Amino acid sequence: IPRPDKMNEAVAVPYYRDVVKLGTNRELIPYSLYSLGKYHLELASDYRAGITIIQDSDLHIAELDDDRAKIAALKRRIRELRGLRRAHADTAQRYFSRLIVEFPRDSVNVPEAYFVLASHYNVLGKPADRDTATTYAKALIRGYWHSPRYQDALSLLAQISFQDARMEYRDPAKHHAHYAEGLSYLAWLAREVDAYEAAEVPGVTPETPPMI
């Protein structure tokens, strides 16, 4: 079975950079900034995956074999990949930050940037990363309730709350607080789905969603 064609986003990167550098087409700059940020963030994720593979397979086998030369080489490679991951993550952050600061009224690319950042940090899995993901997701629903990503952000916030609840299983009060928060986000999401469907009914005007 032939594989479906996959777009090579790297081909367009120089053109996005030219659009941003020239600064003459204000209509294309926001999308170019978003595309550049997303491209570098995906590269950072790829490097992170490569680090995990080396640590879980090659390095583990080398340590079992006590192959010191190979262990040293693999650790050097891991350090190199970590440096590349940080560099691309920082570059992505700069592009996204510029988009958010310079084009706050962009109703398409800014919420997409918030959601991409929230999803990226949530995948990293550490408590501090989930806090960062929560910040981005809340920024999305606070300022861009009309975005198609609005409901996705609510779903992500519910997921993060349930993850936090699992992490706090030893503290019943915190566990139940995070669990209740997750349920509230799901209830909010259900309400927004109903409002979205009501908007399709002639003569029905749903209320503006509440803010956090």
Protein backbone atom coordinates (compact mmCIF):
# COMPACT_ATOMS: atom_id res chain seq x y z
CA ILE A 1 0.00 0.00 0.00
CA PRO A 2 1.53 3.35 -0.98
CA ARG A 3 2.29 5.62 1.93
CA PRO A 4 0.46 8.95 1.97
CA ASP A 5 2.54 11.97 1.04
CA LYS A 6 3.99 13.81 4.02
CA MET A 7 4.76 17.51 3.79
CA ASN A 8 8.38 18.41 4.46
CA GLU A 9 7.97 21.53 6.59
CA ALA A 10 11.71 22.23 6.50
CA VAL A 11 11.37 23.28 2.84
CA ALA A 12 9.16 26.25 3.79
CA VAL A 13 11.24 27.39 6.78
CA PRO A 14 13.57 29.74 4.80
CA TYR A 15 10.54 31.44 3.26
CA TYR A 16 8.91 31.92 6.67
CA ARG A 17 12.15 33.46 7.91
CA ASP A 18 12.27 35.80 4.91
CA VAL A 19 8.71 36.96 5.60
CA VAL A 20 9.56 37.70 9.24
CA LYS A 21 12.89 39.36 8.38
CA LEU A 22 11.42 41.63 5.69
CA GLY A 23 8.46 42.59 7.85
CA THR A 24 6.55 44.10 4.92
CA ASN A 25 3.61 41.71 4.75
CA ARG A 26 1.79 42.09 8.08
CA GLU A 27 -0.81 39.54 7.05
CA LEU A 28 1.71 36.74 6.63
CA ILE A 29 4.02 37.49 9.56
CA PRO A 30 1.80 35.93 12.29
CA TYR A 31 1.45 32.63 10.44
CA SER A 32 5.17 32.63 9.64
CA LEU A 33 6.06 33.18 13.31
CA TYR A 34 3.68 30.41 14.35
CA SER A 35 5.05 28.00 11.72
CA LEU A 36 8.65 28.70 12.74
CA GLY A 37 7.84 28.22 16.41
CA LYS A 38 6.02 24.96 15.75
CA TYR A 39 8.83 23.69 13.50
CA HIS A 40 11.53 24.27 16.11
CA LEU A 41 9.36 22.85 18.91
CA GLU A 42 8.83 19.66 16.90
CA LEU A 43 12.59 19.40 16.39
CA ALA A 44 13.08 19.77 20.15
CA SER A 45 10.57 16.94 20.68
CA ASP A 46 12.41 14.76 18.16
CA TYR A 47 15.72 15.29 19.97
CA ARG A 48 14.05 14.48 23.28
CA ALA A 49 12.74 11.22 21.81
CA GLY A 50 16.22 10.41 20.53
CA ILE A 51 17.69 10.94 23.99
CA THR A 52 15.11 8.60 25.50
CA ILE A 53 15.88 5.88 22.96
CA ILE A 54 19.63 6.07 23.59
CA GLN A 55 19.16 6.01 27.37
CA ASP A 56 16.69 3.13 27.37
CA SER A 57 18.44 0.90 24.84
CA ASP A 58 22.03 1.59 23.74
CA LEU A 59 23.27 3.06 27.01
CA HIS A 60 21.51 0.40 29.09
CA ILE A 61 23.09 -2.38 27.03
CA ALA A 62 26.54 -0.75 27.21
CA GLU A 63 26.25 -0.46 30.99
CA LEU A 64 25.30 -4.13 31.27
CA ASP A 65 28.34 -5.05 29.15
CA ASP A 66 30.50 -2.62 31.15
CA ASP A 67 31.78 -1.16 27.87
CA ARG A 68 33.27 2.04 29.26
CA ALA A 69 34.36 3.49 25.92
CA LYS A 70 30.88 3.06 24.46
CA ILE A 71 29.27 4.41 27.64
CA ALA A 72 31.42 7.56 27.44
CA ALA A 73 30.61 8.02 23.73
CA LEU A 74 26.88 7.59 24.32
CA LYS A 75 26.91 10.06 27.21
CA ARG A 76 28.67 12.60 25.01
CA ARG A 77 26.00 12.05 22.35
CA ILE A 78 23.25 12.54 24.94
CA ARG A 79 24.81 15.83 26.05
CA GLU A 80 24.95 16.98 22.41
CA LEU A 81 21.30 16.08 21.84
CA ARG A 82 20.28 17.85 25.04
CA GLY A 83 22.06 20.98 23.87
CA LEU A 84 20.28 20.82 20.50
CA ARG A 85 16.94 20.20 22.21
CA ARG A 86 17.36 23.23 24.45
CA ALA A 87 18.49 25.40 21.53
CA HIS A 88 15.47 24.52 19.40
CA ALA A 89 13.08 24.86 22.35
CA ASP A 90 14.48 28.32 23.11
CA THR A 91 14.19 29.32 19.45
CA ALA A 92 10.58 28.15 19.35
CA GLN A 93 9.84 30.10 22.51
CA ARG A 94 11.25 33.27 20.96
CA TYR A 95 9.11 32.94 17.84
CA PHE A 96 5.96 32.20 19.84
CA SER A 97 6.65 35.02 22.27
CA ARG A 98 7.09 37.47 19.43
CA LEU A 99 3.81 36.30 17.89
CA ILE A 100 1.92 36.68 21.17
CA VAL A 101 3.41 40.09 22.02
CA GLU A 102 3.29 41.70 18.57
CA PHE A 103 0.00 40.23 17.33
CA PRO A 104 -2.22 39.72 20.40
CA ARG A 105 -5.38 40.30 18.35
CA ASP A 106 -4.61 37.51 15.90
CA SER A 107 -7.51 35.14 16.56
CA VAL A 108 -6.04 32.19 14.66
CA ASN A 109 -2.30 31.88 15.16
CA VAL A 110 -2.00 33.10 18.77
CA PRO A 111 -4.44 30.54 20.25
CA GLU A 112 -2.80 27.85 18.13
CA ALA A 113 0.57 28.87 19.57
CA TYR A 114 -0.80 28.72 23.12
CA PHE A 115 -2.24 25.27 22.52
CA VAL A 116 0.94 23.91 20.90
CA LEU A 117 2.99 25.18 23.85
CA ALA A 118 0.52 23.79 26.40
CA SER A 119 0.52 20.37 24.69
CA HIS A 120 4.32 20.33 24.45
CA TYR A 121 4.91 21.07 28.13
CA ASN A 122 2.20 18.66 29.23
CA VAL A 123 3.94 15.81 27.39
CA LEU A 124 7.18 16.50 29.28
CA GLY A 125 5.40 15.22 32.37
CA LYS A 126 7.15 16.95 35.26
CA PRO A 127 5.03 18.96 37.76
CA ALA A 128 6.72 22.24 36.75
CA ASP A 129 6.07 21.44 33.08
CA ARG A 130 2.41 20.73 33.79
CA ASP A 131 2.18 24.08 35.60
CA THR A 132 3.60 25.78 32.49
CA ALA A 133 1.13 23.89 30.30
CA THR A 134 -1.70 25.04 32.57
CA THR A 135 -0.57 28.67 32.24
CA TYR A 136 -0.65 28.51 28.44
CA ALA A 137 -4.00 26.69 28.32
CA LYS A 138 -5.58 29.21 30.69
CA ALA A 139 -4.22 32.09 28.62
CA LEU A 140 -5.97 30.57 25.62
CA ILE A 141 -9.39 30.21 27.24
CA ARG A 142 -9.08 33.57 28.98
CA GLY A 143 -8.49 35.57 25.80
CA TYR A 144 -9.65 33.49 22.86
CA TRP A 145 -12.95 31.81 23.75
CA HIS A 146 -14.03 32.07 20.11
CA SER A 147 -11.10 29.90 18.94
CA PRO A 148 -11.65 26.28 17.82
CA ARG A 149 -8.88 25.43 20.29
CA TYR A 150 -10.97 26.69 23.20
CA GLN A 151 -12.59 23.32 23.83
CA ASP A 152 -9.27 21.52 23.30
CA ALA A 153 -7.71 23.71 26.00
CA LEU A 154 -10.48 22.82 28.46
CA SER A 155 -9.94 19.13 27.73
CA LEU A 156 -6.19 19.54 28.27
CA LEU A 157 -6.75 21.35 31.59
CA ALA A 158 -8.98 18.48 32.75
CA GLN A 159 -6.27 15.99 31.78
CA ILE A 160 -3.61 17.94 33.69
CA SER A 161 -5.85 18.12 36.78
CA PHE A 162 -6.35 14.34 36.75
CA GLN A 163 -2.59 13.83 36.33
CA ASP A 164 -2.00 16.06 39.35
CA ALA A 165 -4.62 14.10 41.29
CA ARG A 166 -2.76 10.85 40.60
CA MET A 167 0.51 12.43 41.71
CA GLU A 168 -1.08 13.58 45.00
CA TYR A 169 -2.62 10.23 45.94
CA ARG A 170 -0.81 10.29 49.30
CA ASP A 171 -2.49 13.58 50.25
CA PRO A 172 -6.28 13.02 50.23
CA ALA A 173 -7.12 16.75 50.40
CA LYS A 174 -4.94 17.69 47.42
CA HIS A 175 -5.97 14.54 45.54
CA HIS A 176 -9.67 15.34 45.84
CA ALA A 177 -9.09 19.03 45.05
CA HIS A 178 -7.32 18.21 41.76
CA TYR A 179 -9.91 15.56 40.94
CA ALA A 180 -12.77 18.01 41.54
CA GLU A 181 -10.97 20.60 39.40
CA GLY A 182 -10.71 18.09 36.56
CA LEU A 183 -14.43 17.32 36.80
CA SER A 184 -15.23 21.04 36.74
CA TYR A 185 -13.24 21.47 33.53
CA LEU A 186 -15.10 18.56 31.95
CA ALA A 187 -18.42 20.06 33.03
CA TRP A 188 -17.32 23.39 31.56
CA LEU A 189 -16.35 21.60 28.36
CA ALA A 190 -19.76 19.93 28.15
CA ARG A 191 -21.43 23.30 28.60
CA GLU A 192 -19.34 24.83 25.81
CA VAL A 193 -20.14 21.94 23.46
CA ASP A 194 -23.85 22.54 24.13
CA ALA A 195 -23.38 26.27 23.51
CA TYR A 196 -21.51 25.57 20.28
CA GLU A 197 -24.31 23.33 19.04
CA ALA A 198 -26.91 25.90 20.11
CA ALA A 199 -25.13 28.49 18.00
CA GLU A 200 -26.01 26.41 14.95
CA VAL A 201 -29.73 26.65 15.77
CA PRO A 202 -31.45 29.69 14.18
CA GLY A 203 -32.61 32.23 16.75
CA VAL A 204 -30.45 30.88 19.60
CA THR A 205 -27.61 33.01 20.95
CA PRO A 206 -25.41 31.20 23.51
CA GLU A 207 -24.00 33.17 26.41
CA THR A 208 -20.40 34.34 26.40
CA PRO A 209 -18.31 31.66 28.19
CA PRO A 210 -17.26 32.52 31.76
CA MET A 211 -13.64 33.29 32.55
CA ILE A 212 -11.51 31.56 35.15
